Amino acid sequence: MKYTNGTKLTDADLGNIVYTPVQVNAFGVLDAITNGDLTTASRLIDASAQSMSPRPEFLGMLYWGLKHMIQTVDLYNHGTKSAKDIAAAIGMHFFPIVKNLKYLDFLRSHVQQLETVFHDLLDLDKNIKS
């Protein structure tokens, strides 16, 4: 109020100031993608958008997960077959890599689409920040 020289706090002011924590299900989106369930992935993305969840957190989790899916496929295609070795190469815990390897056939057949979405998310992030 001091900054804007206002005398009354409106509902719109409160909406712009107050942050309400919302649970984001980016991992659910990643799971749905690896299961090939794009309907569920789309539904979870829509639910996140409608709940006004923090976009940077949600986008960050999506491109973090997509990046590791793409890296897993790339390393596997170049001869690194062990989840432990792949995890060490990309600097993460091996559990998500084991999960990615479970769906390797699907990820390999869709790696071009995953790369496109990954690059589109990076472009979106850059455009939001600039």
C-alpha atoms as a PDB file:
ATOM      1  CA  MET A   1       0.000   0.000   0.000  1.00  0.00           C
ATOM      2  CA  LYS A   2       2.882   2.312   0.819  1.00  0.00           C
ATOM      3  CA  TYR A   3       4.520   1.678  -2.569  1.00  0.00           C
ATOM      4  CA  THR A   4       1.353   2.349  -4.606  1.00  0.00           C
ATOM      5  CA  ASN A   5      -0.003   5.083  -2.349  1.00  0.00           C
ATOM      6  CA  GLY A   6      -3.185   3.033  -2.129  1.00  0.00           C
ATOM      7  CA  THR A   7      -5.769   3.298   0.559  1.00  0.00           C
ATOM      8  CA  LYS A   8      -7.637   0.034   0.083  1.00  0.00           C
ATOM      9  CA  LEU A   9      -6.413  -3.438  -0.790  1.00  0.00           C
ATOM     10  CA  THR A  10      -8.622  -4.971  -3.518  1.00  0.00           C
ATOM     11  CA  ASP A  11      -9.202  -8.618  -4.377  1.00  0.00           C
ATOM     12  CA  ALA A  12      -7.160  -8.085  -7.562  1.00  0.00           C
ATOM     13  CA  ASP A  13      -4.270  -6.725  -5.473  1.00  0.00           C
ATOM     14  CA  LEU A  14      -4.445  -9.789  -3.244  1.00  0.00           C
ATOM     15  CA  GLY A  15      -4.434 -12.076  -6.271  1.00  0.00           C
ATOM     16  CA  ASN A  16      -1.263 -10.425  -7.541  1.00  0.00           C
ATOM     17  CA  ILE A  17       0.498 -10.455  -4.178  1.00  0.00           C
ATOM     18  CA  VAL A  18      -0.483 -13.675  -2.438  1.00  0.00           C
ATOM     19  CA  TYR A  19       1.138 -16.924  -3.504  1.00  0.00           C
ATOM     20  CA  THR A  20      -0.923 -20.035  -2.913  1.00  0.00           C
ATOM     21  CA  PRO A  21       1.157 -23.205  -3.041  1.00  0.00           C
ATOM     22  CA  VAL A  22      -0.214 -25.771  -5.471  1.00  0.00           C
ATOM     23  CA  GLN A  23       1.027 -29.290  -5.946  1.00  0.00           C
ATOM     24  CA  VAL A  24       2.506 -29.702  -9.408  1.00  0.00           C
ATOM     25  CA  ASN A  25       2.436 -33.132 -11.006  1.00  0.00           C
ATOM     26  CA  ALA A  26       5.290 -32.845 -13.506  1.00  0.00           C
ATOM     27  CA  PHE A  27       6.447 -36.354 -12.599  1.00  0.00           C
ATOM     28  CA  GLY A  28       2.971 -37.624 -13.477  1.00  0.00           C
ATOM     29  CA  VAL A  29       3.312 -35.968 -16.879  1.00  0.00           C
ATOM     30  CA  LEU A  30       6.700 -37.628 -17.404  1.00  0.00           C
ATOM     31  CA  ASP A  31       5.295 -41.004 -16.335  1.00  0.00           C
ATOM     32  CA  ALA A  32       2.359 -40.610 -18.709  1.00  0.00           C
ATOM     33  CA  ILE A  33       4.744 -39.716 -21.554  1.00  0.00           C
ATOM     34  CA  THR A  34       6.921 -42.785 -20.957  1.00  0.00           C
ATOM     35  CA  ASN A  35       3.797 -44.969 -20.768  1.00  0.00           C
ATOM     36  CA  GLY A  36       2.644 -43.538 -24.096  1.00  0.00           C
ATOM     37  CA  ASP A  37      -0.480 -42.130 -22.425  1.00  0.00           C
ATOM     38  CA  LEU A  38      -0.523 -38.700 -24.041  1.00  0.00           C
ATOM     39  CA  THR A  39      -4.154 -38.134 -23.042  1.00  0.00           C
ATOM     40  CA  THR A  40      -3.213 -38.299 -19.357  1.00  0.00           C
ATOM     41  CA  ALA A  41      -0.114 -36.149 -19.984  1.00  0.00           C
ATOM     42  CA  SER A  42      -2.280 -33.486 -21.639  1.00  0.00           C
ATOM     43  CA  ARG A  43      -4.856 -33.657 -18.844  1.00  0.00           C
ATOM     44  CA  LEU A  44      -2.171 -33.178 -16.180  1.00  0.00           C
ATOM     45  CA  ILE A  45      -0.638 -30.250 -18.077  1.00  0.00           C
ATOM     46  CA  ASP A  46      -4.075 -28.636 -18.377  1.00  0.00           C
ATOM     47  CA  ALA A  47      -4.762 -29.212 -14.674  1.00  0.00           C
ATOM     48  CA  SER A  48      -1.464 -27.570 -13.786  1.00  0.00           C
ATOM     49  CA  ALA A  49      -2.231 -24.551 -15.975  1.00  0.00           C
ATOM     50  CA  GLN A  50      -5.734 -24.177 -14.545  1.00  0.00           C
ATOM     51  CA  SER A  51      -4.479 -24.415 -10.970  1.00  0.00           C
ATOM     52  CA  MET A  52      -2.133 -21.494 -11.575  1.00  0.00           C
ATOM     53  CA  SER A  53       0.819 -23.571 -10.402  1.00  0.00           C
ATOM     54  CA  PRO A  54       4.264 -21.974 -10.647  1.00  0.00           C
ATOM     55  CA  ARG A  55       5.172 -22.239 -14.336  1.00  0.00           C
ATOM     56  CA  PRO A  56       8.980 -22.171 -13.901  1.00  0.00           C
ATOM     57  CA  GLU A  57       8.841 -25.111 -11.481  1.00  0.00           C
ATOM     58  CA  PHE A  58       6.565 -27.125 -13.732  1.00  0.00           C
ATOM     59  CA  LEU A  59       8.503 -26.371 -16.928  1.00  0.00           C
ATOM     60  CA  GLY A  60      11.802 -27.030 -15.171  1.00  0.00           C
ATOM     61  CA  MET A  61      10.680 -30.477 -14.075  1.00  0.00           C
ATOM     62  CA  LEU A  62       9.423 -31.268 -17.569  1.00  0.00           C
ATOM     63  CA  TYR A  63      12.583 -30.337 -19.391  1.00  0.00           C
ATOM     64  CA  TRP A  64      14.730 -31.921 -16.680  1.00  0.00           C
ATOM     65  CA  GLY A  65      12.873 -35.211 -17.202  1.00  0.00           C
ATOM     66  CA  LEU A  66      12.820 -34.978 -20.994  1.00  0.00           C
ATOM     67  CA  LYS A  67      16.544 -34.209 -21.050  1.00  0.00           C
ATOM     68  CA  HIS A  68      17.299 -37.343 -19.055  1.00  0.00           C
ATOM     69  CA  MET A  69      15.053 -39.457 -21.259  1.00  0.00           C
ATOM     70  CA  ILE A  70      16.880 -38.192 -24.351  1.00  0.00           C
ATOM     71  CA  GLN A  71      20.300 -38.670 -22.744  1.00  0.00           C
ATOM     72  CA  THR A  72      19.379 -42.202 -21.667  1.00  0.00           C
ATOM     73  CA  VAL A  73      18.392 -43.132 -25.215  1.00  0.00           C
ATOM     74  CA  ASP A  74      21.530 -41.517 -26.653  1.00  0.00           C
ATOM     75  CA  LEU A  75      23.898 -43.255 -24.236  1.00  0.00           C
ATOM     76  CA  TYR A  76      22.125 -46.591 -24.686  1.00  0.00           C
ATOM     77  CA  ASN A  77      22.336 -46.257 -28.476  1.00  0.00           C
ATOM     78  CA  HIS A  78      26.072 -45.579 -28.133  1.00  0.00           C
ATOM     79  CA  GLY A  79      26.741 -48.717 -26.105  1.00  0.00           C
ATOM     80  CA  THR A  80      26.212 -47.702 -22.469  1.00  0.00           C
ATOM     81  CA  LYS A  81      23.630 -50.271 -21.375  1.00  0.00           C
ATOM     82  CA  SER A  82      23.862 -50.225 -17.557  1.00  0.00           C
ATOM     83  CA  ALA A  83      21.523 -47.933 -15.610  1.00  0.00           C
ATOM     84  CA  LYS A  84      24.333 -47.281 -13.147  1.00  0.00           C
ATOM     85  CA  ASP A  85      26.763 -46.274 -15.926  1.00  0.00           C
ATOM     86  CA  ILE A  86      24.161 -44.079 -17.643  1.00  0.00           C
ATOM     87  CA  ALA A  87      23.310 -42.397 -14.326  1.00  0.00           C
ATOM     88  CA  ALA A  88      26.991 -41.723 -13.644  1.00  0.00           C
ATOM     89  CA  ALA A  89      27.482 -40.296 -17.138  1.00  0.00           C
ATOM     90  CA  ILE A  90      24.650 -37.786 -16.765  1.00  0.00           C
ATOM     91  CA  GLY A  91      25.123 -37.151 -13.046  1.00  0.00           C
ATOM     92  CA  MET A  92      21.927 -38.385 -11.497  1.00  0.00           C
ATOM     93  CA  HIS A  93      20.569 -41.213  -9.358  1.00  0.00           C
ATOM     94  CA  PHE A  94      20.096 -44.476 -11.219  1.00  0.00           C
ATOM     95  CA  PHE A  95      16.442 -45.028 -10.208  1.00  0.00           C
ATOM     96  CA  PRO A  96      14.958 -42.684 -12.891  1.00  0.00           C
ATOM     97  CA  ILE A  97      17.304 -44.267 -15.424  1.00  0.00           C
ATOM     98  CA  VAL A  98      16.022 -47.751 -14.534  1.00  0.00           C
ATOM     99  CA  LYS A  99      12.524 -46.383 -15.090  1.00  0.00           C
ATOM    100  CA  ASN A 100      13.526 -44.903 -18.464  1.00  0.00           C
ATOM    101  CA  LEU A 101      15.155 -48.188 -19.519  1.00  0.00           C
ATOM    102  CA  LYS A 102      11.894 -49.984 -18.735  1.00  0.00           C
ATOM    103  CA  TYR A 103      10.281 -47.908 -21.499  1.00  0.00           C
ATOM    104  CA  LEU A 104      13.329 -47.801 -23.762  1.00  0.00           C
ATOM    105  CA  ASP A 105      11.572 -49.136 -26.865  1.00  0.00           C
ATOM    106  CA  PHE A 106       8.916 -46.435 -26.636  1.00  0.00           C
ATOM    107  CA  LEU A 107      11.486 -43.700 -25.919  1.00  0.00           C
ATOM    108  CA  ARG A 108      13.706 -44.819 -28.786  1.00  0.00           C
ATOM    109  CA  SER A 109      10.818 -44.819 -31.241  1.00  0.00           C
ATOM    110  CA  HIS A 110       9.776 -41.318 -30.148  1.00  0.00           C
ATOM    111  CA  VAL A 111      13.136 -39.695 -29.424  1.00  0.00           C
ATOM    112  CA  GLN A 112      12.715 -37.147 -32.263  1.00  0.00           C
ATOM    113  CA  GLN A 113       9.398 -35.962 -30.820  1.00  0.00           C
ATOM    114  CA  LEU A 114      10.904 -35.817 -27.318  1.00  0.00           C
ATOM    115  CA  GLU A 115      13.784 -33.726 -28.648  1.00  0.00           C
ATOM    116  CA  THR A 116      11.348 -31.379 -30.396  1.00  0.00           C
ATOM    117  CA  VAL A 117       9.282 -30.904 -27.235  1.00  0.00           C
ATOM    118  CA  PHE A 118      12.472 -30.427 -25.191  1.00  0.00           C
ATOM    119  CA  HIS A 119      13.752 -27.705 -27.529  1.00  0.00           C
ATOM    120  CA  ASP A 120      10.321 -26.066 -27.657  1.00  0.00           C
ATOM    121  CA  LEU A 121      10.251 -25.951 -23.831  1.00  0.00           C
ATOM    122  CA  LEU A 122      13.720 -24.383 -23.764  1.00  0.00           C
ATOM    123  CA  ASP A 123      12.601 -21.778 -26.301  1.00  0.00           C
ATOM    124  CA  LEU A 124       9.480 -21.105 -24.237  1.00  0.00           C
ATOM    125  CA  ASP A 125      11.578 -20.685 -21.094  1.00  0.00           C
ATOM    126  CA  LYS A 126      13.945 -18.309 -22.891  1.00  0.00           C
ATOM    127  CA  ASN A 127      11.050 -16.267 -24.261  1.00  0.00           C
ATOM    128  CA  ILE A 128       9.366 -16.072 -20.852  1.00  0.00           C
ATOM    129  CA  LYS A 129      12.578 -14.873 -19.230  1.00  0.00           C
ATOM    130  CA  SER A 130      13.382 -12.351 -21.929  1.00  0.00           C
END
